[in-house]
């Protein structure tokens, strides 16, 4: 078993590399620009819902409230009439990315900690680099991707977006696995 503290360098280095790679992927490469679409008549839609002052949160329209209500004829009519939507309402403010970027970096560190813990529990110091790559890469791939698949299953997020995010997660996993295999204690 490899102590977690002896893996601090690969944890932090992997987090930095993933942070930089994700910045390049989302800011310079064009393939995520189609993850969201513009609502038709956006200004009118915004003006129509603004008076409701919906607080930030996640909502579903129409809302059933319970499995029993999902069988109610009134609810079923509202579903048929549409539109049906899953909505995330963000605070009304000029967008800033500082807090999200800090949280993303912290998340990358946490993923690295889990990869270090699992890999360090499974392999000794001096383990074969390919084994280190395999263990750490698997843990980070799962961490960055698999939990997102349920958003397409349950919340109807476009599978194309989920597949793009899965590709991103593969890139992050390969970077992390490369760092872990190169900096694994002897």
Foldseek 3Di string as FASTA:
>chain_A
DDDLVLCLVLLLVLLVVLLVLVCCCVPPDDPCVVQDDADPVNVVVCVVCVVVCDDFDKDWPPDQPDPVSCPPPVRVVRVVVDDTAIDGDDDPDDDDCVVVSVVSSVLSSVLSSVLCVQLPVVDPFPDQLVSLLVSSLVSQLCSQAVVCVVCCVPVVRDVSNSVVSSVSSNVSSNSSSVSCSVSGHD
